[in-house]
């Protein structure tokens, strides 16, 4: 079961690159949307199966959040290129910067036996959900050729950026809070 769960995680990484390539042509929008939904489903499914069958692996614990970030990076940058959007590109760069920063904080906290400072919170899970929902709205907008939905997605992207940066600030404050030392 562990091997199957890890394969689902690897599939998400592969799908990220495929979705990026599909976004380079309007003929690929619908398939990109479908594959994105499949990739998002694998994120839920691998976690569900790992918990249900107690099939958690060290590789899976490390790779799963990285696969999420890879999916988000590929799709946001594919959207930025496709829509010639500096807004998407800049906001995506900020989101990815936060992800790298929090990854560094997690490494620092692990070395200092303060892993609880950057333990995944419910708000961080909401952040990922909003990011994935925002991406799905962009992909749906491209599929339908709807500029109105692109604007809706831009608004959701701003909300996504806000919650992403907010959770990064919380993790930073928790990491450097001297009362935990």
C-alpha atoms as a PDB file:
ATOM      1  CA  UNK A   1       0.000   0.000   0.000  1.00  0.00           C
ATOM      2  CA  UNK A   2       2.860   2.397   0.805  1.00  0.00           C
ATOM      3  CA  UNK A   3       4.254   1.964  -2.720  1.00  0.00           C
ATOM      4  CA  UNK A   4       0.855   2.719  -4.270  1.00  0.00           C
ATOM      5  CA  UNK A   5       0.434   5.829  -2.108  1.00  0.00           C
ATOM      6  CA  UNK A   6       3.895   7.094  -3.071  1.00  0.00           C
ATOM      7  CA  UNK A   7       3.092   6.433  -6.743  1.00  0.00           C
ATOM      8  CA  UNK A   8       0.019   8.664  -6.391  1.00  0.00           C
ATOM      9  CA  UNK A   9       2.298  11.405  -5.084  1.00  0.00           C
ATOM     10  CA  UNK A  10       4.744  10.918  -7.986  1.00  0.00           C
ATOM     11  CA  UNK A  11       1.787  11.014 -10.389  1.00  0.00           C
ATOM     12  CA  UNK A  12       0.900  14.481  -9.085  1.00  0.00           C
ATOM     13  CA  UNK A  13       4.420  15.675  -9.944  1.00  0.00           C
ATOM     14  CA  UNK A  14       4.227  14.250 -13.463  1.00  0.00           C
ATOM     15  CA  UNK A  15       0.753  15.689 -14.006  1.00  0.00           C
ATOM     16  CA  UNK A  16       2.034  19.132 -12.984  1.00  0.00           C
ATOM     17  CA  UNK A  17       4.481  19.188 -15.895  1.00  0.00           C
ATOM     18  CA  UNK A  18       1.888  17.806 -18.313  1.00  0.00           C
ATOM     19  CA  UNK A  19      -0.644  20.468 -17.272  1.00  0.00           C
ATOM     20  CA  UNK A  20       1.961  23.189 -17.803  1.00  0.00           C
ATOM     21  CA  UNK A  21       2.583  21.939 -21.338  1.00  0.00           C
ATOM     22  CA  UNK A  22      -1.142  21.665 -22.075  1.00  0.00           C
ATOM     23  CA  UNK A  23      -1.589  25.310 -21.090  1.00  0.00           C
ATOM     24  CA  UNK A  24       0.615  26.346 -23.998  1.00  0.00           C
ATOM     25  CA  UNK A  25      -2.213  25.633 -26.469  1.00  0.00           C
ATOM     26  CA  UNK A  26      -5.923  26.446 -26.297  1.00  0.00           C
ATOM     27  CA  UNK A  27      -6.578  22.901 -27.517  1.00  0.00           C
ATOM     28  CA  UNK A  28      -5.225  21.627 -24.188  1.00  0.00           C
ATOM     29  CA  UNK A  29      -7.325  23.670 -21.748  1.00  0.00           C
ATOM     30  CA  UNK A  30     -10.052  21.120 -21.101  1.00  0.00           C
ATOM     31  CA  UNK A  31      -7.566  18.271 -20.654  1.00  0.00           C
ATOM     32  CA  UNK A  32      -5.456  20.498 -18.373  1.00  0.00           C
ATOM     33  CA  UNK A  33      -8.538  21.162 -16.243  1.00  0.00           C
ATOM     34  CA  UNK A  34      -9.395  17.450 -16.038  1.00  0.00           C
ATOM     35  CA  UNK A  35      -5.810  16.478 -15.184  1.00  0.00           C
ATOM     36  CA  UNK A  36      -5.675  19.213 -12.560  1.00  0.00           C
ATOM     37  CA  UNK A  37      -8.780  17.765 -10.906  1.00  0.00           C
ATOM     38  CA  UNK A  38      -7.167  14.315 -11.029  1.00  0.00           C
ATOM     39  CA  UNK A  39      -3.943  15.680  -9.519  1.00  0.00           C
ATOM     40  CA  UNK A  40      -5.897  17.443  -6.773  1.00  0.00           C
ATOM     41  CA  UNK A  41      -7.809  14.241  -6.088  1.00  0.00           C
ATOM     42  CA  UNK A  42      -4.548  12.280  -5.728  1.00  0.00           C
ATOM     43  CA  UNK A  43      -3.521  14.787  -3.046  1.00  0.00           C
ATOM     44  CA  UNK A  44      -6.615  13.921  -1.031  1.00  0.00           C
ATOM     45  CA  UNK A  45      -6.476  10.196  -1.868  1.00  0.00           C
ATOM     46  CA  UNK A  46      -2.869   9.555  -0.866  1.00  0.00           C
ATOM     47  CA  UNK A  47      -3.457  11.213   2.513  1.00  0.00           C
ATOM     48  CA  UNK A  48      -6.710   9.350   3.055  1.00  0.00           C
ATOM     49  CA  UNK A  49      -5.178   5.958   2.195  1.00  0.00           C
ATOM     50  CA  UNK A  50      -2.077   6.603   4.307  1.00  0.00           C
ATOM     51  CA  UNK A  51      -4.245   7.366   7.354  1.00  0.00           C
ATOM     52  CA  UNK A  52      -6.820   4.630   6.744  1.00  0.00           C
ATOM     53  CA  UNK A  53      -4.281   1.846   6.273  1.00  0.00           C
ATOM     54  CA  UNK A  54      -1.650   3.299   8.574  1.00  0.00           C
ATOM     55  CA  UNK A  55       0.654   3.264   5.582  1.00  0.00           C
ATOM     56  CA  UNK A  56       2.629   6.398   6.325  1.00  0.00           C
ATOM     57  CA  UNK A  57       6.195   6.407   5.027  1.00  0.00           C
ATOM     58  CA  UNK A  58       9.057   8.781   5.595  1.00  0.00           C
ATOM     59  CA  UNK A  59       9.355   9.311   1.833  1.00  0.00           C
ATOM     60  CA  UNK A  60       5.637  10.058   1.596  1.00  0.00           C
ATOM     61  CA  UNK A  61       5.719  12.533   4.468  1.00  0.00           C
ATOM     62  CA  UNK A  62       8.523  14.427   2.751  1.00  0.00           C
ATOM     63  CA  UNK A  63       7.340  14.074  -0.842  1.00  0.00           C
ATOM     64  CA  UNK A  64       3.615  14.833  -0.419  1.00  0.00           C
ATOM     65  CA  UNK A  65       3.943  18.530   0.480  1.00  0.00           C
ATOM     66  CA  UNK A  66       6.684  18.939  -2.137  1.00  0.00           C
ATOM     67  CA  UNK A  67       4.398  17.433  -4.790  1.00  0.00           C
ATOM     68  CA  UNK A  68       1.708  19.955  -3.799  1.00  0.00           C
ATOM     69  CA  UNK A  69       4.160  22.820  -4.245  1.00  0.00           C
ATOM     70  CA  UNK A  70       5.371  21.460  -7.589  1.00  0.00           C
ATOM     71  CA  UNK A  71       1.785  21.237  -8.852  1.00  0.00           C
ATOM     72  CA  UNK A  72       1.027  24.786  -7.721  1.00  0.00           C
ATOM     73  CA  UNK A  73       4.280  26.177  -9.197  1.00  0.00           C
ATOM     74  CA  UNK A  74       3.842  24.541 -12.596  1.00  0.00           C
ATOM     75  CA  UNK A  75       0.208  25.539 -12.963  1.00  0.00           C
ATOM     76  CA  UNK A  76       0.545  29.118 -11.679  1.00  0.00           C
ATOM     77  CA  UNK A  77       3.507  29.764 -13.956  1.00  0.00           C
ATOM     78  CA  UNK A  78       1.749  28.060 -16.864  1.00  0.00           C
ATOM     79  CA  UNK A  79      -1.215  30.353 -16.263  1.00  0.00           C
ATOM     80  CA  UNK A  80       1.038  33.420 -16.000  1.00  0.00           C
ATOM     81  CA  UNK A  81       2.646  32.602 -19.351  1.00  0.00           C
ATOM     82  CA  UNK A  82      -0.628  31.670 -21.018  1.00  0.00           C
ATOM     83  CA  UNK A  83      -2.505  34.766 -19.845  1.00  0.00           C
ATOM     84  CA  UNK A  84       0.548  37.053 -20.145  1.00  0.00           C
ATOM     85  CA  UNK A  85      -0.216  38.023 -16.564  1.00  0.00           C
ATOM     86  CA  UNK A  86       2.395  39.764 -14.487  1.00  0.00           C
ATOM     87  CA  UNK A  87      -0.106  39.667 -11.611  1.00  0.00           C
ATOM     88  CA  UNK A  88      -0.275  35.868 -11.615  1.00  0.00           C
ATOM     89  CA  UNK A  89       3.487  35.595 -12.076  1.00  0.00           C
ATOM     90  CA  UNK A  90       4.288  38.007  -9.243  1.00  0.00           C
ATOM     91  CA  UNK A  91       1.710  36.607  -6.818  1.00  0.00           C
ATOM     92  CA  UNK A  92       2.830  33.054  -7.647  1.00  0.00           C
ATOM     93  CA  UNK A  93       6.452  34.057  -6.992  1.00  0.00           C
ATOM     94  CA  UNK A  94       5.431  35.450  -3.596  1.00  0.00           C
ATOM     95  CA  UNK A  95       3.493  32.273  -2.797  1.00  0.00           C
ATOM     96  CA  UNK A  96       6.451  30.096  -3.750  1.00  0.00           C
ATOM     97  CA  UNK A  97       8.832  32.309  -1.766  1.00  0.00           C
ATOM     98  CA  UNK A  98       6.651  31.777   1.292  1.00  0.00           C
ATOM     99  CA  UNK A  99       6.660  28.022   0.705  1.00  0.00           C
ATOM    100  CA  UNK A 100      10.468  27.965   0.482  1.00  0.00           C
ATOM    101  CA  UNK A 101      10.721  30.167   3.595  1.00  0.00           C
ATOM    102  CA  UNK A 102       8.394  27.910   5.606  1.00  0.00           C
ATOM    103  CA  UNK A 103      10.358  24.880   4.398  1.00  0.00           C
ATOM    104  CA  UNK A 104      13.542  26.502   5.725  1.00  0.00           C
ATOM    105  CA  UNK A 105      11.808  27.294   9.018  1.00  0.00           C
ATOM    106  CA  UNK A 106      10.697  23.668   9.314  1.00  0.00           C
ATOM    107  CA  UNK A 107      14.274  22.503   8.783  1.00  0.00           C
ATOM    108  CA  UNK A 108      15.562  24.999  11.344  1.00  0.00           C
ATOM    109  CA  UNK A 109      12.906  24.008  13.865  1.00  0.00           C
ATOM    110  CA  UNK A 110      13.585  20.295  13.337  1.00  0.00           C
ATOM    111  CA  UNK A 111      17.261  20.910  14.090  1.00  0.00           C
ATOM    112  CA  UNK A 112      16.315  22.843  17.243  1.00  0.00           C
ATOM    113  CA  UNK A 113      13.656  20.375  18.455  1.00  0.00           C
ATOM    114  CA  UNK A 114      10.920  22.951  17.868  1.00  0.00           C
ATOM    115  CA  UNK A 115       8.959  21.156  15.149  1.00  0.00           C
ATOM    116  CA  UNK A 116       5.655  22.172  16.725  1.00  0.00           C
ATOM    117  CA  UNK A 117       6.386  25.801  15.768  1.00  0.00           C
ATOM    118  CA  UNK A 118       5.777  24.960  12.116  1.00  0.00           C
ATOM    119  CA  UNK A 119       3.381  22.062  12.439  1.00  0.00           C
ATOM    120  CA  UNK A 120       0.758  22.200   9.683  1.00  0.00           C
ATOM    121  CA  UNK A 121      -2.252  24.139  10.902  1.00  0.00           C
ATOM    122  CA  UNK A 122      -5.880  24.014   9.828  1.00  0.00           C
ATOM    123  CA  UNK A 123      -5.460  27.501   8.348  1.00  0.00           C
ATOM    124  CA  UNK A 124      -2.539  26.243   6.250  1.00  0.00           C
ATOM    125  CA  UNK A 125      -4.759  23.459   4.908  1.00  0.00           C
ATOM    126  CA  UNK A 126      -7.376  26.080   4.049  1.00  0.00           C
ATOM    127  CA  UNK A 127      -4.603  28.017   2.266  1.00  0.00           C
ATOM    128  CA  UNK A 128      -3.803  25.051   0.054  1.00  0.00           C
ATOM    129  CA  UNK A 129      -7.495  24.488  -0.654  1.00  0.00           C
ATOM    130  CA  UNK A 130      -7.950  28.131  -1.690  1.00  0.00           C
ATOM    131  CA  UNK A 131      -4.869  27.950  -3.910  1.00  0.00           C
ATOM    132  CA  UNK A 132      -6.163  24.815  -5.641  1.00  0.00           C
ATOM    133  CA  UNK A 133      -9.660  26.308  -5.987  1.00  0.00           C
ATOM    134  CA  UNK A 134      -8.208  29.498  -7.483  1.00  0.00           C
ATOM    135  CA  UNK A 135      -6.229  27.493 -10.020  1.00  0.00           C
ATOM    136  CA  UNK A 136      -9.321  25.489 -10.942  1.00  0.00           C
ATOM    137  CA  UNK A 137     -11.243  28.730 -11.594  1.00  0.00           C
ATOM    138  CA  UNK A 138      -8.451  29.971 -13.886  1.00  0.00           C
ATOM    139  CA  UNK A 139      -8.438  26.660 -15.771  1.00  0.00           C
ATOM    140  CA  UNK A 140     -12.234  26.687 -16.000  1.00  0.00           C
ATOM    141  CA  UNK A 141     -12.081  30.287 -17.300  1.00  0.00           C
ATOM    142  CA  UNK A 142      -9.619  29.284 -20.023  1.00  0.00           C
ATOM    143  CA  UNK A 143     -11.733  26.275 -20.977  1.00  0.00           C
ATOM    144  CA  UNK A 144     -14.840  28.474 -21.325  1.00  0.00           C
ATOM    145  CA  UNK A 145     -12.899  31.462 -22.694  1.00  0.00           C
ATOM    146  CA  UNK A 146     -14.440  33.646 -19.965  1.00  0.00           C
ATOM    147  CA  UNK A 147     -12.638  36.846 -18.993  1.00  0.00           C
ATOM    148  CA  UNK A 148     -15.182  37.361 -16.213  1.00  0.00           C
ATOM    149  CA  UNK A 149     -14.004  34.121 -14.567  1.00  0.00           C
ATOM    150  CA  UNK A 150     -10.384  35.231 -15.002  1.00  0.00           C
ATOM    151  CA  UNK A 151     -11.197  38.368 -12.997  1.00  0.00           C
ATOM    152  CA  UNK A 152     -12.943  36.234 -10.343  1.00  0.00           C
ATOM    153  CA  UNK A 153      -9.844  34.036 -10.200  1.00  0.00           C
ATOM    154  CA  UNK A 154      -7.629  37.146  -9.881  1.00  0.00           C
ATOM    155  CA  UNK A 155      -9.662  38.191  -6.821  1.00  0.00           C
ATOM    156  CA  UNK A 156      -9.364  34.684  -5.364  1.00  0.00           C
ATOM    157  CA  UNK A 157      -5.626  34.770  -6.091  1.00  0.00           C
ATOM    158  CA  UNK A 158      -5.335  37.936  -4.020  1.00  0.00           C
ATOM    159  CA  UNK A 159      -7.209  36.231  -1.145  1.00  0.00           C
ATOM    160  CA  UNK A 160      -4.987  33.189  -1.574  1.00  0.00           C
ATOM    161  CA  UNK A 161      -1.865  35.350  -1.422  1.00  0.00           C
ATOM    162  CA  UNK A 162      -3.122  37.097   1.708  1.00  0.00           C
ATOM    163  CA  UNK A 163      -3.781  33.855   3.626  1.00  0.00           C
ATOM    164  CA  UNK A 164      -0.529  32.359   2.326  1.00  0.00           C
ATOM    165  CA  UNK A 165       1.534  35.278   3.603  1.00  0.00           C
ATOM    166  CA  UNK A 166      -0.440  35.412   6.856  1.00  0.00           C
ATOM    167  CA  UNK A 167       0.281  31.750   7.648  1.00  0.00           C
ATOM    168  CA  UNK A 168       3.938  32.355   6.754  1.00  0.00           C
ATOM    169  CA  UNK A 169       4.058  35.218   9.268  1.00  0.00           C
ATOM    170  CA  UNK A 170       2.452  33.032  11.947  1.00  0.00           C
ATOM    171  CA  UNK A 171       5.015  30.265  11.321  1.00  0.00           C
ATOM    172  CA  UNK A 172       7.830  32.834  11.448  1.00  0.00           C
ATOM    173  CA  UNK A 173       6.604  34.313  14.732  1.00  0.00           C
ATOM    174  CA  UNK A 174       6.189  30.826  16.233  1.00  0.00           C
ATOM    175  CA  UNK A 175       9.694  29.881  15.107  1.00  0.00           C
ATOM    176  CA  UNK A 176      11.404  32.875  16.649  1.00  0.00           C
ATOM    177  CA  UNK A 177       9.293  33.095  19.793  1.00  0.00           C
ATOM    178  CA  UNK A 178      11.837  32.857  22.622  1.00  0.00           C
ATOM    179  CA  UNK A 179       9.309  31.465  25.113  1.00  0.00           C
ATOM    180  CA  UNK A 180       9.537  28.113  23.289  1.00  0.00           C
ATOM    181  CA  UNK A 181      13.300  27.906  23.785  1.00  0.00           C
END
